[in-house]
Amino acid sequence: MKISSKVFYRLGSENVMQYSLQNDHHMTLNFLTFGARVQQVRLPNRDQFDPNLSIGFITFQDYAEDPGHFGAVIGPVQGESPELPPDSGRTGWQNYNWDAETEQEDDHVSVKFTLTLGDHQDGLPGSRRISIVHTLDNQNRWTVDWHIETDTQIRIRPRLNVAFALTGDPAQSVMDQHLRLDAEPVPIPERTLTAEATQASLVANDWALTVSTEAKGLTVDSFADLSAAHYFNGITGAPHAAIAIYPTTPLFTLMPGAAFERHTVFTLHALA
């Protein structure tokens, strides 16, 4: 198992860093400190074909101009809400360059992203500290652990916005893939589907993904509005080119002294 890092982009006096976690099966997770983004998810198939299995971009400018915030930690609120201040989109967590630290052990590698904000830096009152830890082990388990603290009562709805393209090609549709929620077959939704399930599996021709969470429900999004105007991973996009599976998070009140915690596990396998 190994960890590597390099400068991805120089932003004024700051460096946007890329961190890479890799296990002994060559499953690789690449991250950027800008928005604590997931940039790439890779696992070679039986023919050693090793494309990015998530929606990402090549340049920093692509990420800075991406209205969908693909791969990013979106917060304090994902989506629009009348309760948000007018500039909340511009001051969202996805637009900050996060701090990062890594850990390497015999059985896992991890990177921890942290963001510490003062009063109204993200458009909300008070200060807060957000951390998200990504851990990869040799069972191809990718664990995501959130921790959010605030010193002032606020309303939030955070999300890690990862879109999986298990075709390995953002120009191909995912609508013929096989989805199960709590082991029950479910058609891929034309747009979004929210269910009370806490486990999901997605099977394509060469890769299979499972998702498990302790949260009360999962949401599936098939990105119907993607088009050739989107240019992912150096390839022109198409509708239904990816699927996101994530814990369903309603808008909720976070209180001082009661941190938000969440644990989600993604497991990826190459099919024989």
C-alpha atoms as a PDB file:
ATOM      1  CA  MET A   1       0.000   0.000   0.000  1.00  0.00           C
ATOM      2  CA  LYS A   2       1.257   3.471  -0.695  1.00  0.00           C
ATOM      3  CA  ILE A   3       0.528   7.189  -0.546  1.00  0.00           C
ATOM      4  CA  SER A   4       1.869   9.845  -2.871  1.00  0.00           C
ATOM      5  CA  SER A   5       1.294  13.570  -3.318  1.00  0.00           C
ATOM      6  CA  LYS A   6       2.162  16.334  -5.753  1.00  0.00           C
ATOM      7  CA  VAL A   7       1.267  19.922  -6.572  1.00  0.00           C
ATOM      8  CA  PHE A   8      -1.770  19.977  -8.878  1.00  0.00           C
ATOM      9  CA  TYR A   9      -2.051  23.760  -9.289  1.00  0.00           C
ATOM     10  CA  ARG A  10      -0.570  26.909  -7.801  1.00  0.00           C
ATOM     11  CA  LEU A  11      -3.331  29.256  -6.661  1.00  0.00           C
ATOM     12  CA  GLY A  12      -1.691  32.534  -5.679  1.00  0.00           C
ATOM     13  CA  SER A  13       0.458  31.743  -2.660  1.00  0.00           C
ATOM     14  CA  GLU A  14      -1.320  28.419  -2.098  1.00  0.00           C
ATOM     15  CA  ASN A  15      -0.736  24.990  -3.595  1.00  0.00           C
ATOM     16  CA  VAL A  16      -3.693  22.862  -4.615  1.00  0.00           C
ATOM     17  CA  MET A  17      -2.370  19.386  -3.844  1.00  0.00           C
ATOM     18  CA  GLN A  18      -3.252  16.009  -5.280  1.00  0.00           C
ATOM     19  CA  TYR A  19      -3.099  13.040  -2.899  1.00  0.00           C
ATOM     20  CA  SER A  20      -3.155   9.442  -4.101  1.00  0.00           C
ATOM     21  CA  LEU A  21      -4.012   6.340  -2.060  1.00  0.00           C
ATOM     22  CA  GLN A  22      -3.256   2.933  -3.583  1.00  0.00           C
ATOM     23  CA  ASN A  23      -3.679  -0.592  -2.199  1.00  0.00           C
ATOM     24  CA  ASP A  24      -1.943  -3.831  -3.178  1.00  0.00           C
ATOM     25  CA  HIS A  25      -4.618  -4.585  -5.820  1.00  0.00           C
ATOM     26  CA  HIS A  26      -3.833  -1.272  -7.562  1.00  0.00           C
ATOM     27  CA  MET A  27      -7.128   0.278  -6.534  1.00  0.00           C
ATOM     28  CA  THR A  28      -6.317   3.986  -6.536  1.00  0.00           C
ATOM     29  CA  LEU A  29      -8.139   6.985  -5.106  1.00  0.00           C
ATOM     30  CA  ASN A  30      -6.955  10.446  -6.129  1.00  0.00           C
ATOM     31  CA  PHE A  31      -8.042  13.570  -4.259  1.00  0.00           C
ATOM     32  CA  LEU A  32      -7.558  17.326  -4.546  1.00  0.00           C
ATOM     33  CA  THR A  33      -7.358  19.705  -1.625  1.00  0.00           C
ATOM     34  CA  PHE A  34      -9.567  22.147  -3.582  1.00  0.00           C
ATOM     35  CA  GLY A  35     -13.023  21.366  -2.202  1.00  0.00           C
ATOM     36  CA  ALA A  36     -11.597  18.120  -0.694  1.00  0.00           C
ATOM     37  CA  ARG A  37     -12.531  16.624  -4.057  1.00  0.00           C
ATOM     38  CA  VAL A  38     -12.479  13.014  -5.175  1.00  0.00           C
ATOM     39  CA  GLN A  39     -10.742  13.317  -8.543  1.00  0.00           C
ATOM     40  CA  GLN A  40     -10.277   9.712  -9.654  1.00  0.00           C
ATOM     41  CA  VAL A  41     -11.369   6.204  -8.629  1.00  0.00           C
ATOM     42  CA  ARG A  42      -9.426   3.463 -10.425  1.00  0.00           C
ATOM     43  CA  LEU A  43      -9.204  -0.338 -10.378  1.00  0.00           C
ATOM     44  CA  PRO A  44      -7.763  -2.295 -13.334  1.00  0.00           C
ATOM     45  CA  ASN A  45     -10.140  -4.826 -14.903  1.00  0.00           C
ATOM     46  CA  ARG A  46      -9.152  -8.327 -16.028  1.00  0.00           C
ATOM     47  CA  ASP A  47      -7.570  -6.865 -19.209  1.00  0.00           C
ATOM     48  CA  GLN A  48      -5.670  -4.241 -17.176  1.00  0.00           C
ATOM     49  CA  PHE A  49      -7.907  -1.489 -18.551  1.00  0.00           C
ATOM     50  CA  ASP A  50      -7.658   1.201 -15.881  1.00  0.00           C
ATOM     51  CA  PRO A  51      -9.921   4.217 -16.595  1.00  0.00           C
ATOM     52  CA  ASN A  52     -11.253   6.717 -14.099  1.00  0.00           C
ATOM     53  CA  LEU A  53     -14.479   5.178 -12.732  1.00  0.00           C
ATOM     54  CA  SER A  54     -15.767   8.509 -11.428  1.00  0.00           C
ATOM     55  CA  ILE A  55     -16.608  11.816 -13.060  1.00  0.00           C
ATOM     56  CA  GLY A  56     -13.640  14.151 -12.880  1.00  0.00           C
ATOM     57  CA  PHE A  57     -11.662  16.712 -14.820  1.00  0.00           C
ATOM     58  CA  ILE A  58      -8.112  17.243 -16.001  1.00  0.00           C
ATOM     59  CA  THR A  59      -7.381  20.896 -15.188  1.00  0.00           C
ATOM     60  CA  PHE A  60      -7.942  23.169 -12.204  1.00  0.00           C
ATOM     61  CA  GLN A  61      -9.886  25.577 -14.428  1.00  0.00           C
ATOM     62  CA  ASP A  62     -12.358  22.788 -15.214  1.00  0.00           C
ATOM     63  CA  TYR A  63     -12.965  22.280 -11.493  1.00  0.00           C
ATOM     64  CA  ALA A  64     -13.210  26.006 -10.751  1.00  0.00           C
ATOM     65  CA  GLU A  65     -15.869  26.481 -13.452  1.00  0.00           C
ATOM     66  CA  ASP A  66     -17.791  23.222 -12.847  1.00  0.00           C
ATOM     67  CA  PRO A  67     -21.341  24.156 -11.737  1.00  0.00           C
ATOM     68  CA  GLY A  68     -22.022  20.599 -10.592  1.00  0.00           C
ATOM     69  CA  HIS A  69     -19.111  20.532  -8.101  1.00  0.00           C
ATOM     70  CA  PHE A  70     -18.311  16.935  -9.120  1.00  0.00           C
ATOM     71  CA  GLY A  71     -16.223  15.114  -6.532  1.00  0.00           C
ATOM     72  CA  ALA A  72     -16.477  17.955  -4.019  1.00  0.00           C
ATOM     73  CA  VAL A  73     -17.568  18.239  -0.412  1.00  0.00           C
ATOM     74  CA  ILE A  74     -20.619  20.459  -0.858  1.00  0.00           C
ATOM     75  CA  GLY A  75     -21.728  22.537   2.090  1.00  0.00           C
ATOM     76  CA  PRO A  76     -22.930  24.023   4.290  1.00  0.00           C
ATOM     77  CA  VAL A  77     -26.086  23.244   2.323  1.00  0.00           C
ATOM     78  CA  GLN A  78     -26.268  21.128  -0.826  1.00  0.00           C
ATOM     79  CA  GLY A  79     -28.687  22.757  -3.253  1.00  0.00           C
ATOM     80  CA  GLU A  80     -30.722  25.926  -2.969  1.00  0.00           C
ATOM     81  CA  SER A  81     -32.722  26.942   0.096  1.00  0.00           C
ATOM     82  CA  PRO A  82     -34.509  30.176   1.072  1.00  0.00           C
ATOM     83  CA  GLU A  83     -32.815  29.862   4.461  1.00  0.00           C
ATOM     84  CA  LEU A  84     -29.396  30.430   2.904  1.00  0.00           C
ATOM     85  CA  PRO A  85     -27.755  33.860   2.686  1.00  0.00           C
ATOM     86  CA  PRO A  86     -27.532  35.175  -0.898  1.00  0.00           C
ATOM     87  CA  ASP A  87     -23.789  34.492  -1.271  1.00  0.00           C
ATOM     88  CA  SER A  88     -23.758  30.987   0.204  1.00  0.00           C
ATOM     89  CA  GLY A  89     -22.910  29.371  -3.128  1.00  0.00           C
ATOM     90  CA  ARG A  90     -19.732  31.420  -3.548  1.00  0.00           C
ATOM     91  CA  THR A  91     -18.633  30.816   0.031  1.00  0.00           C
ATOM     92  CA  GLY A  92     -19.433  27.099   0.077  1.00  0.00           C
ATOM     93  CA  TRP A  93     -16.976  24.502   1.383  1.00  0.00           C
ATOM     94  CA  GLN A  94     -16.412  23.269  -2.179  1.00  0.00           C
ATOM     95  CA  ASN A  95     -14.608  26.538  -2.993  1.00  0.00           C
ATOM     96  CA  TYR A  96     -11.979  26.347  -0.238  1.00  0.00           C
ATOM     97  CA  ASN A  97      -8.521  24.780  -0.402  1.00  0.00           C
ATOM     98  CA  TRP A  98      -8.574  22.325   2.521  1.00  0.00           C
ATOM     99  CA  ASP A  99      -5.717  21.197   4.774  1.00  0.00           C
ATOM    100  CA  ALA A 100      -4.656  17.567   4.454  1.00  0.00           C
ATOM    101  CA  GLU A 101      -2.667  14.977   6.364  1.00  0.00           C
ATOM    102  CA  THR A 102      -2.001  11.324   5.556  1.00  0.00           C
ATOM    103  CA  GLU A 103      -1.542   8.077   7.470  1.00  0.00           C
ATOM    104  CA  GLN A 104      -0.041   4.798   6.295  1.00  0.00           C
ATOM    105  CA  GLU A 105      -0.380   1.521   8.193  1.00  0.00           C
ATOM    106  CA  ASP A 106       0.156  -2.124   7.240  1.00  0.00           C
ATOM    107  CA  ASP A 107      -3.542  -2.665   6.526  1.00  0.00           C
ATOM    108  CA  HIS A 108      -4.718   0.742   5.284  1.00  0.00           C
ATOM    109  CA  VAL A 109      -3.821   4.157   3.928  1.00  0.00           C
ATOM    110  CA  SER A 110      -5.795   7.328   4.566  1.00  0.00           C
ATOM    111  CA  VAL A 111      -5.990  11.060   3.950  1.00  0.00           C
ATOM    112  CA  LYS A 112      -7.782  13.472   6.267  1.00  0.00           C
ATOM    113  CA  PHE A 113      -9.079  16.799   4.939  1.00  0.00           C
ATOM    114  CA  THR A 114      -9.935  19.574   7.395  1.00  0.00           C
ATOM    115  CA  LEU A 115     -11.459  23.013   6.995  1.00  0.00           C
ATOM    116  CA  THR A 116     -11.690  25.547   9.833  1.00  0.00           C
ATOM    117  CA  LEU A 117     -13.925  28.561   9.206  1.00  0.00           C
ATOM    118  CA  GLY A 118     -14.742  31.727  11.144  1.00  0.00           C
ATOM    119  CA  ASP A 119     -17.930  33.735  11.421  1.00  0.00           C
ATOM    120  CA  HIS A 120     -19.819  33.956   8.086  1.00  0.00           C
ATOM    121  CA  GLN A 121     -16.892  32.614   6.046  1.00  0.00           C
ATOM    122  CA  ASP A 122     -19.308  30.051   4.630  1.00  0.00           C
ATOM    123  CA  GLY A 123     -22.284  32.411   4.783  1.00  0.00           C
ATOM    124  CA  LEU A 124     -23.509  31.159   8.171  1.00  0.00           C
ATOM    125  CA  PRO A 125     -22.977  32.587  11.666  1.00  0.00           C
ATOM    126  CA  GLY A 126     -20.374  31.277  14.078  1.00  0.00           C
ATOM    127  CA  SER A 127     -17.283  29.166  13.443  1.00  0.00           C
ATOM    128  CA  ARG A 128     -17.002  25.503  12.578  1.00  0.00           C
ATOM    129  CA  ARG A 129     -14.530  22.736  11.831  1.00  0.00           C
ATOM    130  CA  ILE A 130     -15.223  20.163   9.134  1.00  0.00           C
ATOM    131  CA  SER A 131     -13.177  17.021   8.584  1.00  0.00           C
ATOM    132  CA  ILE A 132     -13.578  14.160   6.152  1.00  0.00           C
ATOM    133  CA  VAL A 133     -11.320  11.089   6.277  1.00  0.00           C
ATOM    134  CA  HIS A 134     -10.889   8.723   3.323  1.00  0.00           C
ATOM    135  CA  THR A 135      -9.440   5.292   4.133  1.00  0.00           C
ATOM    136  CA  LEU A 136      -8.523   2.539   1.650  1.00  0.00           C
ATOM    137  CA  ASP A 137      -7.747  -1.066   2.651  1.00  0.00           C
ATOM    138  CA  ASN A 138      -6.732  -4.240   0.836  1.00  0.00           C
ATOM    139  CA  GLN A 139     -10.322  -5.493   0.608  1.00  0.00           C
ATOM    140  CA  ASN A 140     -10.963  -2.600  -1.809  1.00  0.00           C
ATOM    141  CA  ARG A 141     -13.040  -0.885   0.869  1.00  0.00           C
ATOM    142  CA  TRP A 142     -13.070   2.884   0.696  1.00  0.00           C
ATOM    143  CA  THR A 143     -14.397   4.310   3.950  1.00  0.00           C
ATOM    144  CA  VAL A 144     -15.550   7.908   4.293  1.00  0.00           C
ATOM    145  CA  ASP A 145     -15.880   9.395   7.802  1.00  0.00           C
ATOM    146  CA  TRP A 146     -17.350  12.849   8.421  1.00  0.00           C
ATOM    147  CA  HIS A 147     -17.009  15.022  11.524  1.00  0.00           C
ATOM    148  CA  ILE A 148     -18.516  18.534  11.717  1.00  0.00           C
ATOM    149  CA  GLU A 149     -18.476  20.798  14.787  1.00  0.00           C
ATOM    150  CA  THR A 150     -20.016  24.246  15.234  1.00  0.00           C
ATOM    151  CA  ASP A 151     -20.089  26.814  18.029  1.00  0.00           C
ATOM    152  CA  THR A 152     -23.412  28.297  16.849  1.00  0.00           C
ATOM    153  CA  GLN A 153     -26.735  26.699  15.933  1.00  0.00           C
ATOM    154  CA  ILE A 154     -26.880  26.388  12.136  1.00  0.00           C
ATOM    155  CA  ARG A 155     -28.866  24.597   9.446  1.00  0.00           C
ATOM    156  CA  ILE A 156     -26.794  22.393   7.109  1.00  0.00           C
ATOM    157  CA  ARG A 157     -27.112  19.645   4.507  1.00  0.00           C
ATOM    158  CA  PRO A 158     -23.611  18.458   3.498  1.00  0.00           C
ATOM    159  CA  ARG A 159     -22.819  15.992   0.719  1.00  0.00           C
ATOM    160  CA  LEU A 160     -19.825  14.306  -0.900  1.00  0.00           C
ATOM    161  CA  ASN A 161     -20.712  14.599  -4.579  1.00  0.00           C
ATOM    162  CA  VAL A 162     -19.099  11.530  -6.210  1.00  0.00           C
ATOM    163  CA  ALA A 163     -20.541  10.283  -9.505  1.00  0.00           C
ATOM    164  CA  PHE A 164     -19.499   6.776 -10.570  1.00  0.00           C
ATOM    165  CA  ALA A 165     -18.991   5.962 -14.262  1.00  0.00           C
ATOM    166  CA  LEU A 166     -18.510   2.184 -14.100  1.00  0.00           C
ATOM    167  CA  THR A 167     -18.367   2.026 -17.902  1.00  0.00           C
ATOM    168  CA  GLY A 168     -15.039   3.842 -17.696  1.00  0.00           C
ATOM    169  CA  ASP A 169     -16.332   6.141 -20.444  1.00  0.00           C
ATOM    170  CA  PRO A 170     -18.315   9.356 -19.734  1.00  0.00           C
ATOM    171  CA  ALA A 171     -19.849   9.113 -23.227  1.00  0.00           C
ATOM    172  CA  GLN A 172     -21.634   5.830 -22.432  1.00  0.00           C
ATOM    173  CA  SER A 173     -24.971   5.425 -20.671  1.00  0.00           C
ATOM    174  CA  VAL A 174     -25.251   3.626 -17.341  1.00  0.00           C
ATOM    175  CA  MET A 175     -28.960   2.852 -17.729  1.00  0.00           C
ATOM    176  CA  ASP A 176     -28.390  -0.856 -18.481  1.00  0.00           C
ATOM    177  CA  GLN A 177     -26.459  -1.450 -15.244  1.00  0.00           C
ATOM    178  CA  HIS A 178     -28.006  -3.478 -12.423  1.00  0.00           C
ATOM    179  CA  LEU A 179     -28.995  -1.713  -9.209  1.00  0.00           C
ATOM    180  CA  ARG A 180     -30.098  -3.310  -5.936  1.00  0.00           C
ATOM    181  CA  LEU A 181     -31.227  -1.506  -2.801  1.00  0.00           C
ATOM    182  CA  ASP A 182     -31.161  -3.684   0.316  1.00  0.00           C
ATOM    183  CA  ALA A 183     -30.788  -6.670  -2.074  1.00  0.00           C
ATOM    184  CA  GLU A 184     -33.968  -5.823  -4.016  1.00  0.00           C
ATOM    185  CA  PRO A 185     -33.566  -5.166  -7.787  1.00  0.00           C
ATOM    186  CA  VAL A 186     -34.491  -1.609  -8.718  1.00  0.00           C
ATOM    187  CA  PRO A 187     -34.484  -0.015 -12.199  1.00  0.00           C
ATOM    188  CA  ILE A 188     -31.928   2.739 -12.679  1.00  0.00           C
ATOM    189  CA  PRO A 189     -33.964   5.936 -12.146  1.00  0.00           C
ATOM    190  CA  GLU A 190     -34.382   8.378 -15.018  1.00  0.00           C
ATOM    191  CA  ARG A 191     -33.441  11.161 -12.596  1.00  0.00           C
ATOM    192  CA  THR A 192     -33.315  10.578  -8.825  1.00  0.00           C
ATOM    193  CA  LEU A 193     -34.643   7.947  -6.455  1.00  0.00           C
ATOM    194  CA  THR A 194     -34.712   8.081  -2.662  1.00  0.00           C
ATOM    195  CA  ALA A 195     -35.259   4.895  -0.669  1.00  0.00           C
ATOM    196  CA  GLU A 196     -35.051   3.800   2.968  1.00  0.00           C
ATOM    197  CA  ALA A 197     -32.285   1.341   2.097  1.00  0.00           C
ATOM    198  CA  THR A 198     -28.915   1.442   3.845  1.00  0.00           C
ATOM    199  CA  GLN A 199     -27.114  -0.796   1.326  1.00  0.00           C
ATOM    200  CA  ALA A 200     -26.841  -0.610  -2.456  1.00  0.00           C
ATOM    201  CA  SER A 201     -25.046  -2.516  -5.196  1.00  0.00           C
ATOM    202  CA  LEU A 202     -24.362  -1.441  -8.757  1.00  0.00           C
ATOM    203  CA  VAL A 203     -23.083  -3.929 -11.332  1.00  0.00           C
ATOM    204  CA  ALA A 204     -21.697  -3.064 -14.777  1.00  0.00           C
ATOM    205  CA  ASN A 205     -19.857  -5.227 -17.309  1.00  0.00           C
ATOM    206  CA  ASP A 206     -16.402  -4.998 -15.741  1.00  0.00           C
ATOM    207  CA  TRP A 207     -16.869  -3.511 -12.285  1.00  0.00           C
ATOM    208  CA  ALA A 208     -19.228  -3.787  -9.326  1.00  0.00           C
ATOM    209  CA  LEU A 209     -19.761  -1.243  -6.566  1.00  0.00           C
ATOM    210  CA  THR A 210     -21.406  -1.666  -3.165  1.00  0.00           C
ATOM    211  CA  VAL A 211     -22.374   1.138  -0.791  1.00  0.00           C
ATOM    212  CA  SER A 212     -23.320   0.853   2.873  1.00  0.00           C
ATOM    213  CA  THR A 213     -24.187   3.532   5.403  1.00  0.00           C
ATOM    214  CA  GLU A 214     -25.695   3.866   8.860  1.00  0.00           C
ATOM    215  CA  ALA A 215     -27.751   6.824   7.618  1.00  0.00           C
ATOM    216  CA  LYS A 216     -31.508   6.457   7.221  1.00  0.00           C
ATOM    217  CA  GLY A 217     -31.805   6.083   3.477  1.00  0.00           C
ATOM    218  CA  LEU A 218     -29.925   6.331   0.194  1.00  0.00           C
ATOM    219  CA  THR A 219     -30.417   8.553  -2.830  1.00  0.00           C
ATOM    220  CA  VAL A 220     -29.564   7.463  -6.382  1.00  0.00           C
ATOM    221  CA  ASP A 221     -28.994  10.087  -9.087  1.00  0.00           C
ATOM    222  CA  SER A 222     -28.439   9.152 -12.759  1.00  0.00           C
ATOM    223  CA  PHE A 223     -27.561  12.677 -14.005  1.00  0.00           C
ATOM    224  CA  ALA A 224     -30.105  13.004 -16.797  1.00  0.00           C
ATOM    225  CA  ASP A 225     -28.973  16.555 -17.576  1.00  0.00           C
ATOM    226  CA  LEU A 226     -25.393  15.764 -18.553  1.00  0.00           C
ATOM    227  CA  SER A 227     -24.632  16.488 -22.211  1.00  0.00           C
ATOM    228  CA  ALA A 228     -21.920  17.002 -24.795  1.00  0.00           C
ATOM    229  CA  ALA A 229     -21.392  20.424 -23.205  1.00  0.00           C
ATOM    230  CA  HIS A 230     -19.679  18.601 -20.327  1.00  0.00           C
ATOM    231  CA  TYR A 231     -16.120  17.420 -20.915  1.00  0.00           C
ATOM    232  CA  PHE A 232     -15.210  14.837 -18.280  1.00  0.00           C
ATOM    233  CA  ASN A 233     -11.834  13.112 -17.951  1.00  0.00           C
ATOM    234  CA  GLY A 234     -10.937  14.509 -21.371  1.00  0.00           C
ATOM    235  CA  ILE A 235     -14.006  12.856 -22.966  1.00  0.00           C
ATOM    236  CA  THR A 236     -17.233  14.479 -24.135  1.00  0.00           C
ATOM    237  CA  GLY A 237     -20.086  13.604 -21.778  1.00  0.00           C
ATOM    238  CA  ALA A 238     -23.618  12.304 -22.366  1.00  0.00           C
ATOM    239  CA  PRO A 239     -26.893  12.027 -20.407  1.00  0.00           C
ATOM    240  CA  HIS A 240     -26.938   9.232 -17.818  1.00  0.00           C
ATOM    241  CA  ALA A 241     -23.160   8.852 -18.032  1.00  0.00           C
ATOM    242  CA  ALA A 242     -22.788   8.300 -14.279  1.00  0.00           C
ATOM    243  CA  ILE A 243     -24.611   7.330 -11.113  1.00  0.00           C
ATOM    244  CA  ALA A 244     -24.255   8.815  -7.638  1.00  0.00           C
ATOM    245  CA  ILE A 245     -25.308   6.767  -4.593  1.00  0.00           C
ATOM    246  CA  TYR A 246     -25.135   8.698  -1.339  1.00  0.00           C
ATOM    247  CA  PRO A 247     -26.774   8.922   2.090  1.00  0.00           C
ATOM    248  CA  THR A 248     -30.006  10.893   2.040  1.00  0.00           C
ATOM    249  CA  THR A 249     -29.484  13.995   4.174  1.00  0.00           C
ATOM    250  CA  PRO A 250     -32.393  16.340   4.922  1.00  0.00           C
ATOM    251  CA  LEU A 251     -31.737  19.922   5.932  1.00  0.00           C
ATOM    252  CA  PHE A 252     -31.054  19.653   9.673  1.00  0.00           C
ATOM    253  CA  THR A 253     -30.020  21.748  12.665  1.00  0.00           C
ATOM    254  CA  LEU A 254     -26.499  21.271  13.995  1.00  0.00           C
ATOM    255  CA  MET A 255     -26.052  22.354  17.611  1.00  0.00           C
ATOM    256  CA  PRO A 256     -22.895  23.321  19.523  1.00  0.00           C
ATOM    257  CA  GLY A 257     -21.487  20.358  21.433  1.00  0.00           C
ATOM    258  CA  ALA A 258     -23.276  17.784  19.236  1.00  0.00           C
ATOM    259  CA  ALA A 259     -21.011  16.983  16.286  1.00  0.00           C
ATOM    260  CA  PHE A 260     -22.338  15.544  13.033  1.00  0.00           C
ATOM    261  CA  GLU A 261     -20.796  12.121  12.372  1.00  0.00           C
ATOM    262  CA  ARG A 262     -21.303   9.851   9.369  1.00  0.00           C
ATOM    263  CA  HIS A 263     -19.677   6.620   8.185  1.00  0.00           C
ATOM    264  CA  THR A 264     -20.075   5.347   4.615  1.00  0.00           C
ATOM    265  CA  VAL A 265     -18.262   2.462   2.909  1.00  0.00           C
ATOM    266  CA  PHE A 266     -17.783   2.005  -0.840  1.00  0.00           C
ATOM    267  CA  THR A 267     -16.398  -1.335  -2.040  1.00  0.00           C
ATOM    268  CA  LEU A 268     -15.207  -1.751  -5.604  1.00  0.00           C
ATOM    269  CA  HIS A 269     -14.490  -5.020  -7.437  1.00  0.00           C
ATOM    270  CA  ALA A 270     -13.255  -5.864 -10.911  1.00  0.00           C
ATOM    271  CA  LEU A 271     -15.362  -8.690 -12.350  1.00  0.00           C
ATOM    272  CA  ALA A 272     -13.711 -11.801 -13.778  1.00  0.00           C
END
